[in-house]
Amino acid sequence: MLMSTAEAIPGKNYEVLGAVRGSVVRAKHIGKDILAGFKSIVGGEVTVYTELLEEARAIATRRMEDEAQAMNADAIIALRYVTAAVMDGASEVMVYGTAVKFTQSN
């Protein structure tokens, strides 16, 4: 499925099917959290959190794509990601966009 952060797809005619979204809430593993705490002392990238958020984005995107496919969409435009802490040690990743169906040009 075509996914784009653009508000429109140049050269394509389409009808808007509606908004689609996907989300996931992921919690940190206590052992990895302790290791990440050590990393914060010396500085640098905290790769365990990077990996956690990458995985969460992939899950949320897949859920959004499944919702769009259920609507028989060909593409999702105006794609946006949002991340928020929902409680200490857990973050939500949400992705949303507009599902569209390609139409024939007139």
N, C-alpha and C. Protein backbone atom coordinates (compact mmCIF):
# COMPACT_ATOMS: atom_id res chain seq x y z
N MET A 1 0.85 -1.18 0.00
CA MET A 1 0.00 0.00 0.00
C MET A 1 0.89 1.23 0.00
N LEU A 2 0.52 2.19 -0.82
CA LEU A 2 1.24 3.46 -0.88
C LEU A 2 0.90 4.28 0.36
N MET A 3 1.93 4.78 1.03
CA MET A 3 1.73 5.65 2.19
C MET A 3 2.61 6.87 2.02
N SER A 4 2.02 8.05 2.30
CA SER A 4 2.76 9.29 2.09
C SER A 4 2.37 10.32 3.15
N THR A 5 3.35 11.12 3.53
CA THR A 5 3.06 12.24 4.43
C THR A 5 2.49 13.42 3.66
N ALA A 6 2.55 13.38 2.34
CA ALA A 6 2.02 14.46 1.51
C ALA A 6 0.50 14.54 1.66
N GLU A 7 -0.03 15.73 1.46
CA GLU A 7 -1.48 15.94 1.56
C GLU A 7 -2.23 15.44 0.34
N ALA A 8 -1.52 15.20 -0.75
CA ALA A 8 -2.14 14.74 -2.00
C ALA A 8 -1.12 13.93 -2.77
N ILE A 9 -1.60 13.16 -3.74
CA ILE A 9 -0.72 12.37 -4.60
C ILE A 9 -0.78 12.99 -5.99
N PRO A 10 0.28 13.68 -6.41
CA PRO A 10 0.26 14.34 -7.72
C PRO A 10 0.01 13.34 -8.86
N GLY A 11 -0.85 13.74 -9.79
CA GLY A 11 -1.13 12.91 -10.95
C GLY A 11 -2.10 11.77 -10.71
N LYS A 12 -2.65 11.66 -9.53
CA LYS A 12 -3.60 10.59 -9.22
C LYS A 12 -4.95 11.18 -8.86
N ASN A 13 -5.99 10.55 -9.35
CA ASN A 13 -7.35 10.89 -8.95
C ASN A 13 -7.79 9.86 -7.91
N TYR A 14 -8.46 10.32 -6.90
CA TYR A 14 -8.88 9.40 -5.86
C TYR A 14 -10.06 9.97 -5.10
N GLU A 15 -10.76 9.05 -4.43
CA GLU A 15 -11.82 9.47 -3.52
C GLU A 15 -11.35 9.20 -2.10
N VAL A 16 -11.73 10.06 -1.21
CA VAL A 16 -11.35 9.92 0.20
C VAL A 16 -12.31 8.93 0.85
N LEU A 17 -11.75 7.91 1.48
CA LEU A 17 -12.56 6.91 2.17
C LEU A 17 -12.75 7.25 3.64
N GLY A 18 -11.80 7.93 4.23
CA GLY A 18 -11.92 8.32 5.63
C GLY A 18 -10.61 8.19 6.38
N ALA A 19 -10.66 8.57 7.63
CA ALA A 19 -9.47 8.52 8.48
C ALA A 19 -9.19 7.08 8.92
N VAL A 20 -7.91 6.76 9.02
CA VAL A 20 -7.47 5.47 9.54
C VAL A 20 -6.39 5.72 10.58
N ARG A 21 -6.27 4.79 11.51
CA ARG A 21 -5.24 4.96 12.55
C ARG A 21 -4.80 3.60 13.05
N GLY A 22 -3.68 3.62 13.70
CA GLY A 22 -3.16 2.45 14.39
C GLY A 22 -2.40 2.93 15.60
N SER A 23 -2.46 2.17 16.68
CA SER A 23 -1.72 2.58 17.87
C SER A 23 -1.26 1.37 18.65
N VAL A 24 -0.28 1.59 19.49
CA VAL A 24 0.24 0.56 20.38
C VAL A 24 0.84 1.25 21.59
N VAL A 25 0.71 0.62 22.74
CA VAL A 25 1.35 1.11 23.96
C VAL A 25 2.40 0.07 24.34
N ARG A 26 3.62 0.53 24.49
CA ARG A 26 4.73 -0.37 24.81
C ARG A 26 5.35 0.06 26.13
N ALA A 27 5.71 -0.91 26.95
CA ALA A 27 6.36 -0.65 28.23
C ALA A 27 7.82 -1.07 28.16
N LYS A 28 8.62 -0.41 28.94
CA LYS A 28 10.04 -0.75 29.01
C LYS A 28 10.23 -2.02 29.83
N HIS A 29 11.25 -2.78 29.50
CA HIS A 29 11.66 -3.96 30.26
C HIS A 29 12.57 -3.46 31.37
N ILE A 30 12.33 -3.87 32.60
CA ILE A 30 13.06 -3.33 33.75
C ILE A 30 14.57 -3.54 33.63
N GLY A 31 14.99 -4.69 33.14
CA GLY A 31 16.42 -4.95 32.98
C GLY A 31 17.05 -4.02 31.96
N LYS A 32 16.35 -3.83 30.85
CA LYS A 32 16.86 -2.92 29.82
C LYS A 32 16.81 -1.48 30.31
N ASP A 33 15.83 -1.16 31.16
CA ASP A 33 15.72 0.19 31.70
C ASP A 33 16.92 0.52 32.58
N ILE A 34 17.37 -0.46 33.35
CA ILE A 34 18.55 -0.25 34.19
C ILE A 34 19.78 0.01 33.33
N LEU A 35 19.94 -0.79 32.27
CA LEU A 35 21.07 -0.58 31.36
C LEU A 35 20.99 0.79 30.68
N ALA A 36 19.78 1.20 30.33
CA ALA A 36 19.60 2.51 29.70
C ALA A 36 19.96 3.62 30.69
N GLY A 37 19.69 3.40 31.96
CA GLY A 37 20.06 4.37 32.98
C GLY A 37 21.56 4.57 33.05
N PHE A 38 22.31 3.50 32.92
CA PHE A 38 23.77 3.61 32.87
C PHE A 38 24.20 4.41 31.65
N LYS A 39 23.53 4.18 30.53
CA LYS A 39 23.88 4.88 29.30
C LYS A 39 23.64 6.38 29.46
N SER A 40 22.63 6.76 30.22
CA SER A 40 22.34 8.19 30.39
C SER A 40 23.45 8.89 31.17
N ILE A 41 24.21 8.13 31.94
CA ILE A 41 25.32 8.72 32.69
C ILE A 41 26.47 9.09 31.76
N VAL A 42 26.78 8.19 30.82
CA VAL A 42 27.92 8.42 29.92
C VAL A 42 27.53 9.14 28.64
N GLY A 43 26.25 9.18 28.33
CA GLY A 43 25.78 9.86 27.13
C GLY A 43 25.73 8.93 25.92
N GLY A 44 25.12 9.42 24.87
CA GLY A 44 24.99 8.66 23.63
C GLY A 44 23.58 8.14 23.42
N GLU A 45 23.41 7.47 22.32
CA GLU A 45 22.10 6.93 21.96
C GLU A 45 21.72 5.78 22.88
N VAL A 46 20.48 5.77 23.31
CA VAL A 46 19.96 4.68 24.13
C VAL A 46 19.26 3.72 23.17
N THR A 47 20.04 2.79 22.64
CA THR A 47 19.55 1.94 21.56
C THR A 47 18.38 1.06 21.95
N VAL A 48 18.27 0.67 23.24
CA VAL A 48 17.12 -0.17 23.63
C VAL A 48 15.82 0.61 23.47
N TYR A 49 15.85 1.92 23.72
CA TYR A 49 14.64 2.73 23.52
C TYR A 49 14.39 3.00 22.04
N THR A 50 15.46 3.20 21.30
CA THR A 50 15.32 3.39 19.85
C THR A 50 14.64 2.17 19.24
N GLU A 51 15.13 0.99 19.61
CA GLU A 51 14.55 -0.26 19.09
C GLU A 51 13.10 -0.42 19.53
N LEU A 52 12.81 -0.09 20.79
CA LEU A 52 11.45 -0.19 21.31
C LEU A 52 10.49 0.68 20.50
N LEU A 53 10.90 1.92 20.23
CA LEU A 53 10.03 2.84 19.49
C LEU A 53 9.93 2.45 18.02
N GLU A 54 11.01 1.95 17.43
CA GLU A 54 10.96 1.48 16.03
C GLU A 54 9.95 0.33 15.91
N GLU A 55 10.01 -0.60 16.84
CA GLU A 55 9.08 -1.74 16.83
C GLU A 55 7.65 -1.26 17.03
N ALA A 56 7.46 -0.32 17.95
CA ALA A 56 6.11 0.22 18.20
C ALA A 56 5.57 0.93 16.97
N ARG A 57 6.41 1.70 16.27
CA ARG A 57 5.96 2.38 15.04
C ARG A 57 5.57 1.36 13.98
N ALA A 58 6.33 0.28 13.86
CA ALA A 58 6.02 -0.75 12.86
C ALA A 58 4.68 -1.42 13.17
N ILE A 59 4.42 -1.72 14.44
CA ILE A 59 3.16 -2.34 14.83
C ILE A 59 2.00 -1.39 14.56
N ALA A 60 2.13 -0.13 14.97
CA ALA A 60 1.07 0.85 14.76
C ALA A 60 0.79 1.05 13.27
N THR A 61 1.85 1.12 12.47
CA THR A 61 1.69 1.30 11.02
C THR A 61 0.96 0.11 10.42
N ARG A 62 1.33 -1.09 10.83
CA ARG A 62 0.68 -2.29 10.32
C ARG A 62 -0.81 -2.29 10.68
N ARG A 63 -1.14 -1.86 11.88
CA ARG A 63 -2.56 -1.81 12.29
C ARG A 63 -3.33 -0.77 11.47
N MET A 64 -2.70 0.37 11.20
CA MET A 64 -3.35 1.38 10.37
C MET A 64 -3.56 0.84 8.96
N GLU A 65 -2.54 0.19 8.42
CA GLU A 65 -2.64 -0.37 7.07
C GLU A 65 -3.74 -1.43 7.00
N ASP A 66 -3.86 -2.26 8.02
CA ASP A 66 -4.94 -3.26 8.07
C ASP A 66 -6.31 -2.58 8.03
N GLU A 67 -6.45 -1.49 8.76
CA GLU A 67 -7.72 -0.75 8.77
C GLU A 67 -8.01 -0.19 7.38
N ALA A 68 -6.98 0.35 6.72
CA ALA A 68 -7.17 0.90 5.37
C ALA A 68 -7.51 -0.21 4.37
N GLN A 69 -6.87 -1.36 4.49
CA GLN A 69 -7.17 -2.47 3.59
C GLN A 69 -8.61 -2.95 3.77
N ALA A 70 -9.11 -2.94 5.00
CA ALA A 70 -10.50 -3.32 5.26
C ALA A 70 -11.48 -2.37 4.57
N MET A 71 -11.03 -1.14 4.29
CA MET A 71 -11.85 -0.16 3.58
C MET A 71 -11.61 -0.23 2.07
N ASN A 72 -10.78 -1.17 1.62
CA ASN A 72 -10.38 -1.31 0.21
C ASN A 72 -9.63 -0.09 -0.30
N ALA A 73 -8.82 0.51 0.56
CA ALA A 73 -8.03 1.68 0.17
C ALA A 73 -6.83 1.25 -0.67
N ASP A 74 -6.40 2.16 -1.53
CA ASP A 74 -5.18 1.95 -2.33
C ASP A 74 -3.99 2.67 -1.74
N ALA A 75 -4.25 3.69 -0.93
CA ALA A 75 -3.17 4.50 -0.37
C ALA A 75 -3.63 5.19 0.90
N ILE A 76 -2.64 5.65 1.66
CA ILE A 76 -2.90 6.47 2.84
C ILE A 76 -2.07 7.74 2.66
N ILE A 77 -2.75 8.88 2.73
CA ILE A 77 -2.06 10.15 2.58
C ILE A 77 -2.13 10.93 3.90
N ALA A 78 -1.37 12.00 3.99
CA ALA A 78 -1.33 12.86 5.18
C ALA A 78 -0.97 12.06 6.43
N LEU A 79 -0.04 11.14 6.27
CA LEU A 79 0.40 10.26 7.35
C LEU A 79 1.13 11.04 8.43
N ARG A 80 0.78 10.79 9.69
CA ARG A 80 1.42 11.47 10.82
C ARG A 80 1.63 10.47 11.96
N TYR A 81 2.74 10.64 12.69
CA TYR A 81 3.03 9.85 13.88
C TYR A 81 2.99 10.75 15.10
N VAL A 82 2.50 10.19 16.21
CA VAL A 82 2.46 10.89 17.48
C VAL A 82 2.93 9.90 18.55
N THR A 83 3.78 10.38 19.44
CA THR A 83 4.25 9.55 20.55
C THR A 83 3.96 10.29 21.84
N ALA A 84 3.46 9.55 22.84
CA ALA A 84 3.15 10.17 24.12
C ALA A 84 3.39 9.18 25.25
N ALA A 85 3.83 9.68 26.37
CA ALA A 85 3.94 8.85 27.57
C ALA A 85 2.54 8.70 28.17
N VAL A 86 2.12 7.47 28.43
CA VAL A 86 0.80 7.26 29.00
C VAL A 86 0.87 6.95 30.49
N MET A 87 2.04 6.51 30.93
CA MET A 87 2.32 6.29 32.35
C MET A 87 3.82 6.13 32.48
N ASP A 88 4.31 6.13 33.70
CA ASP A 88 5.74 5.98 33.90
C ASP A 88 6.20 4.64 33.32
N GLY A 89 7.09 4.72 32.36
CA GLY A 89 7.65 3.50 31.78
C GLY A 89 6.91 2.97 30.57
N ALA A 90 5.85 3.63 30.13
CA ALA A 90 5.09 3.15 28.97
C ALA A 90 4.78 4.32 28.04
N SER A 91 4.91 4.06 26.75
CA SER A 91 4.64 5.09 25.74
C SER A 91 3.66 4.56 24.70
N GLU A 92 2.83 5.46 24.19
CA GLU A 92 1.94 5.13 23.09
C GLU A 92 2.52 5.71 21.81
N VAL A 93 2.48 4.92 20.76
CA VAL A 93 2.80 5.40 19.43
C VAL A 93 1.52 5.28 18.63
N MET A 94 1.11 6.41 18.03
CA MET A 94 -0.08 6.40 17.19
C MET A 94 0.31 6.94 15.81
N VAL A 95 -0.27 6.33 14.80
CA VAL A 95 -0.09 6.80 13.43
C VAL A 95 -1.50 6.98 12.85
N TYR A 96 -1.68 8.02 12.07
CA TYR A 96 -2.98 8.24 11.45
C TYR A 96 -2.79 8.89 10.09
N GLY A 97 -3.82 8.76 9.28
CA GLY A 97 -3.79 9.33 7.96
C GLY A 97 -5.16 9.23 7.31
N THR A 98 -5.21 9.53 6.02
CA THR A 98 -6.45 9.51 5.26
C THR A 98 -6.37 8.40 4.22
N ALA A 99 -7.30 7.45 4.30
CA ALA A 99 -7.37 6.36 3.33
C ALA A 99 -8.04 6.85 2.06
N VAL A 100 -7.45 6.51 0.91
CA VAL A 100 -8.01 6.92 -0.38
C VAL A 100 -8.08 5.74 -1.33
N LYS A 101 -9.00 5.82 -2.28
CA LYS A 101 -9.18 4.81 -3.33
C LYS A 101 -8.96 5.49 -4.65
N PHE A 102 -8.05 4.95 -5.47
CA PHE A 102 -7.77 5.54 -6.78
C PHE A 102 -8.98 5.39 -7.70
N THR A 103 -9.24 6.42 -8.49
CA THR A 103 -10.32 6.40 -9.46
C THR A 103 -9.76 6.65 -10.84
N GLN A 104 -10.57 6.36 -11.84
CA GLN A 104 -10.17 6.62 -13.23
C GLN A 104 -10.25 8.11 -13.50
N SER A 105 -9.33 8.62 -14.32
CA SER A 105 -9.37 10.03 -14.68
C SER A 105 -10.52 10.27 -15.66
N ASN A 106 -11.07 11.49 -15.62
CA ASN A 106 -12.22 11.83 -16.49
C ASN A 106 -11.78 12.30 -17.85
